[in-house]
Amino acid sequence: MNTREELINLKEKTGMNWKKMSEYYGIPYRTIQDWHMGKRNMPEYLLRLMIYKAEIEIISKRQDTLKTGTEEEMQ
């Protein structure tokens, strides 16, 4: 799978649109558009960092949900 396809998969997994991804990662919207349309090649290391950030946030949200659920059970 190439970086373009992986970027599209990341977008789908996060549920964000291209504009939201641009804002979330602090990358110009035009740059993300160019990567998506294959006009420019995305650096592979950057894609790995983007995936890592998304995964960490997902894990963090799960832990927060578990903590909240545990706190509610204790009350």
N, C-alpha and C. Protein backbone atom coordinates (compact mmCIF):
# COMPACT_ATOMS: atom_id res chain seq x y z
N MET A 1 0.85 -1.17 0.00
CA MET A 1 0.00 0.00 0.00
C MET A 1 0.91 1.25 0.00
N ASN A 2 0.59 2.20 -0.83
CA ASN A 2 1.40 3.42 -0.88
C ASN A 2 0.91 4.45 0.13
N THR A 3 1.68 5.52 0.29
CA THR A 3 1.34 6.52 1.31
C THR A 3 0.00 7.18 1.03
N ARG A 4 -0.31 7.37 -0.23
CA ARG A 4 -1.61 7.99 -0.58
C ARG A 4 -2.76 7.13 -0.07
N GLU A 5 -2.68 5.84 -0.32
CA GLU A 5 -3.74 4.93 0.14
C GLU A 5 -3.80 4.88 1.66
N GLU A 6 -2.64 4.90 2.30
CA GLU A 6 -2.62 4.87 3.76
C GLU A 6 -3.19 6.16 4.35
N LEU A 7 -2.95 7.29 3.68
CA LEU A 7 -3.52 8.55 4.12
C LEU A 7 -5.05 8.49 4.05
N ILE A 8 -5.55 7.93 2.98
CA ILE A 8 -7.00 7.78 2.83
C ILE A 8 -7.55 6.86 3.92
N ASN A 9 -6.84 5.78 4.22
CA ASN A 9 -7.28 4.86 5.29
C ASN A 9 -7.28 5.57 6.64
N LEU A 10 -6.27 6.39 6.89
CA LEU A 10 -6.22 7.14 8.14
C LEU A 10 -7.41 8.07 8.25
N LYS A 11 -7.73 8.74 7.18
CA LYS A 11 -8.89 9.64 7.15
C LYS A 11 -10.16 8.88 7.51
N GLU A 12 -10.33 7.71 6.91
CA GLU A 12 -11.53 6.92 7.17
C GLU A 12 -11.58 6.42 8.61
N LYS A 13 -10.43 5.98 9.14
CA LYS A 13 -10.38 5.47 10.51
C LYS A 13 -10.69 6.55 11.53
N THR A 14 -10.22 7.75 11.28
CA THR A 14 -10.43 8.84 12.23
C THR A 14 -11.82 9.46 12.07
N GLY A 15 -12.44 9.28 10.92
CA GLY A 15 -13.75 9.85 10.68
C GLY A 15 -13.69 11.34 10.36
N MET A 16 -12.50 11.83 10.10
CA MET A 16 -12.34 13.26 9.78
C MET A 16 -12.48 13.48 8.27
N ASN A 17 -12.84 14.70 7.91
CA ASN A 17 -12.76 15.07 6.50
C ASN A 17 -11.38 15.70 6.28
N TRP A 18 -11.07 16.06 5.05
CA TRP A 18 -9.74 16.58 4.74
C TRP A 18 -9.47 17.90 5.46
N LYS A 19 -10.47 18.72 5.59
CA LYS A 19 -10.31 20.01 6.26
C LYS A 19 -10.00 19.80 7.75
N LYS A 20 -10.72 18.90 8.39
CA LYS A 20 -10.48 18.61 9.80
C LYS A 20 -9.09 18.01 10.01
N MET A 21 -8.68 17.14 9.10
CA MET A 21 -7.33 16.57 9.20
C MET A 21 -6.28 17.66 9.10
N SER A 22 -6.50 18.59 8.20
CA SER A 22 -5.59 19.71 8.03
C SER A 22 -5.45 20.49 9.34
N GLU A 23 -6.56 20.78 9.96
CA GLU A 23 -6.56 21.53 11.21
C GLU A 23 -5.95 20.71 12.35
N TYR A 24 -6.31 19.46 12.44
CA TYR A 24 -5.85 18.59 13.52
C TYR A 24 -4.33 18.41 13.51
N TYR A 25 -3.79 18.19 12.32
CA TYR A 25 -2.35 17.95 12.20
C TYR A 25 -1.54 19.22 11.94
N GLY A 26 -2.21 20.33 11.68
CA GLY A 26 -1.49 21.57 11.41
C GLY A 26 -0.76 21.57 10.08
N ILE A 27 -1.37 20.92 9.12
CA ILE A 27 -0.80 20.83 7.77
C ILE A 27 -1.70 21.62 6.84
N PRO A 28 -1.13 22.45 5.97
CA PRO A 28 -1.98 23.23 5.06
C PRO A 28 -2.94 22.34 4.27
N TYR A 29 -4.16 22.81 4.15
CA TYR A 29 -5.21 22.07 3.45
C TYR A 29 -4.78 21.72 2.02
N ARG A 30 -4.18 22.67 1.33
CA ARG A 30 -3.74 22.44 -0.05
C ARG A 30 -2.72 21.30 -0.12
N THR A 31 -1.85 21.21 0.86
CA THR A 31 -0.85 20.14 0.89
C THR A 31 -1.54 18.79 1.02
N ILE A 32 -2.49 18.70 1.93
CA ILE A 32 -3.22 17.43 2.11
C ILE A 32 -3.99 17.08 0.83
N GLN A 33 -4.57 18.08 0.20
CA GLN A 33 -5.27 17.84 -1.07
C GLN A 33 -4.31 17.28 -2.12
N ASP A 34 -3.14 17.88 -2.21
CA ASP A 34 -2.15 17.42 -3.19
C ASP A 34 -1.71 15.99 -2.92
N TRP A 35 -1.52 15.64 -1.64
CA TRP A 35 -1.18 14.26 -1.30
C TRP A 35 -2.31 13.32 -1.68
N HIS A 36 -3.52 13.72 -1.36
CA HIS A 36 -4.69 12.88 -1.64
C HIS A 36 -4.88 12.65 -3.13
N MET A 37 -4.66 13.69 -3.92
CA MET A 37 -4.87 13.57 -5.37
C MET A 37 -3.63 13.04 -6.09
N GLY A 38 -2.56 12.78 -5.36
CA GLY A 38 -1.36 12.22 -5.96
C GLY A 38 -0.50 13.23 -6.70
N LYS A 39 -0.75 14.52 -6.47
CA LYS A 39 0.05 15.55 -7.13
C LYS A 39 1.43 15.69 -6.49
N ARG A 40 1.49 15.38 -5.20
CA ARG A 40 2.75 15.43 -4.46
C ARG A 40 2.86 14.16 -3.63
N ASN A 41 4.10 13.75 -3.39
CA ASN A 41 4.32 12.57 -2.56
C ASN A 41 4.47 13.00 -1.11
N MET A 42 3.77 12.30 -0.27
CA MET A 42 3.82 12.56 1.16
C MET A 42 5.04 11.86 1.74
N PRO A 43 5.81 12.53 2.60
CA PRO A 43 6.93 11.85 3.25
C PRO A 43 6.42 10.69 4.11
N GLU A 44 7.03 9.54 3.96
CA GLU A 44 6.58 8.36 4.68
C GLU A 44 6.69 8.53 6.20
N TYR A 45 7.76 9.19 6.65
CA TYR A 45 7.92 9.38 8.09
C TYR A 45 6.77 10.22 8.67
N LEU A 46 6.29 11.18 7.90
CA LEU A 46 5.20 12.04 8.36
C LEU A 46 3.90 11.23 8.49
N LEU A 47 3.66 10.36 7.54
CA LEU A 47 2.48 9.51 7.62
C LEU A 47 2.54 8.64 8.88
N ARG A 48 3.72 8.07 9.16
CA ARG A 48 3.86 7.24 10.37
C ARG A 48 3.57 8.06 11.63
N LEU A 49 4.04 9.30 11.66
CA LEU A 49 3.78 10.17 12.82
C LEU A 49 2.30 10.50 12.95
N MET A 50 1.65 10.73 11.83
CA MET A 50 0.21 11.04 11.85
C MET A 50 -0.58 9.84 12.38
N ILE A 51 -0.23 8.66 11.91
CA ILE A 51 -0.91 7.44 12.37
C ILE A 51 -0.67 7.25 13.86
N TYR A 52 0.56 7.46 14.28
CA TYR A 52 0.92 7.31 15.70
C TYR A 52 0.09 8.26 16.56
N LYS A 53 0.01 9.51 16.17
CA LYS A 53 -0.76 10.50 16.93
C LYS A 53 -2.23 10.08 17.04
N ALA A 54 -2.80 9.63 15.94
CA ALA A 54 -4.21 9.21 15.95
C ALA A 54 -4.41 8.01 16.87
N GLU A 55 -3.48 7.05 16.82
CA GLU A 55 -3.61 5.86 17.66
C GLU A 55 -3.48 6.20 19.14
N ILE A 56 -2.54 7.09 19.46
CA ILE A 56 -2.36 7.50 20.86
C ILE A 56 -3.62 8.19 21.38
N GLU A 57 -4.20 9.04 20.56
CA GLU A 57 -5.41 9.74 20.98
C GLU A 57 -6.56 8.76 21.19
N ILE A 58 -6.68 7.77 20.34
CA ILE A 58 -7.73 6.77 20.48
C ILE A 58 -7.54 6.00 21.79
N ILE A 59 -6.30 5.60 22.08
CA ILE A 59 -6.01 4.88 23.32
C ILE A 59 -6.31 5.76 24.52
N SER A 60 -5.92 7.01 24.44
CA SER A 60 -6.16 7.94 25.54
C SER A 60 -7.66 8.11 25.81
N LYS A 61 -8.44 8.23 24.75
CA LYS A 61 -9.88 8.38 24.91
C LYS A 61 -10.49 7.13 25.54
N ARG A 62 -9.99 5.95 25.14
CA ARG A 62 -10.50 4.70 25.73
C ARG A 62 -10.20 4.66 27.22
N GLN A 63 -8.98 5.05 27.59
CA GLN A 63 -8.61 5.04 29.00
C GLN A 63 -9.46 6.02 29.79
N ASP A 64 -9.72 7.20 29.22
CA ASP A 64 -10.58 8.17 29.89
C ASP A 64 -11.98 7.61 30.09
N THR A 65 -12.48 6.92 29.09
CA THR A 65 -13.81 6.31 29.17
C THR A 65 -13.82 5.24 30.26
N LEU A 66 -12.78 4.44 30.32
CA LEU A 66 -12.72 3.40 31.34
C LEU A 66 -12.64 4.00 32.73
N LYS A 67 -11.83 5.05 32.88
CA LYS A 67 -11.71 5.71 34.19
C LYS A 67 -13.04 6.31 34.60
N THR A 68 -13.72 6.97 33.69
CA THR A 68 -15.00 7.58 33.98
C THR A 68 -16.01 6.51 34.38
N GLY A 69 -16.02 5.41 33.66
CA GLY A 69 -16.93 4.32 33.98
C GLY A 69 -16.64 3.72 35.34
N THR A 70 -15.36 3.57 35.68
CA THR A 70 -14.97 3.02 36.98
C THR A 70 -15.36 3.97 38.11
N GLU A 71 -15.15 5.28 37.89
CA GLU A 71 -15.50 6.27 38.91
C GLU A 71 -17.00 6.28 39.16
N GLU A 72 -17.79 6.13 38.11
CA GLU A 72 -19.24 6.12 38.24
C GLU A 72 -19.69 4.88 39.00
N GLU A 73 -19.02 3.75 38.75
CA GLU A 73 -19.38 2.52 39.43
C GLU A 73 -19.10 2.61 40.94
N MET A 74 -18.05 3.36 41.31
CA MET A 74 -17.66 3.48 42.71
C MET A 74 -18.62 4.36 43.49
N GLN A 75 -19.35 5.22 42.83
CA GLN A 75 -20.24 6.15 43.53
C GLN A 75 -21.56 5.54 43.87
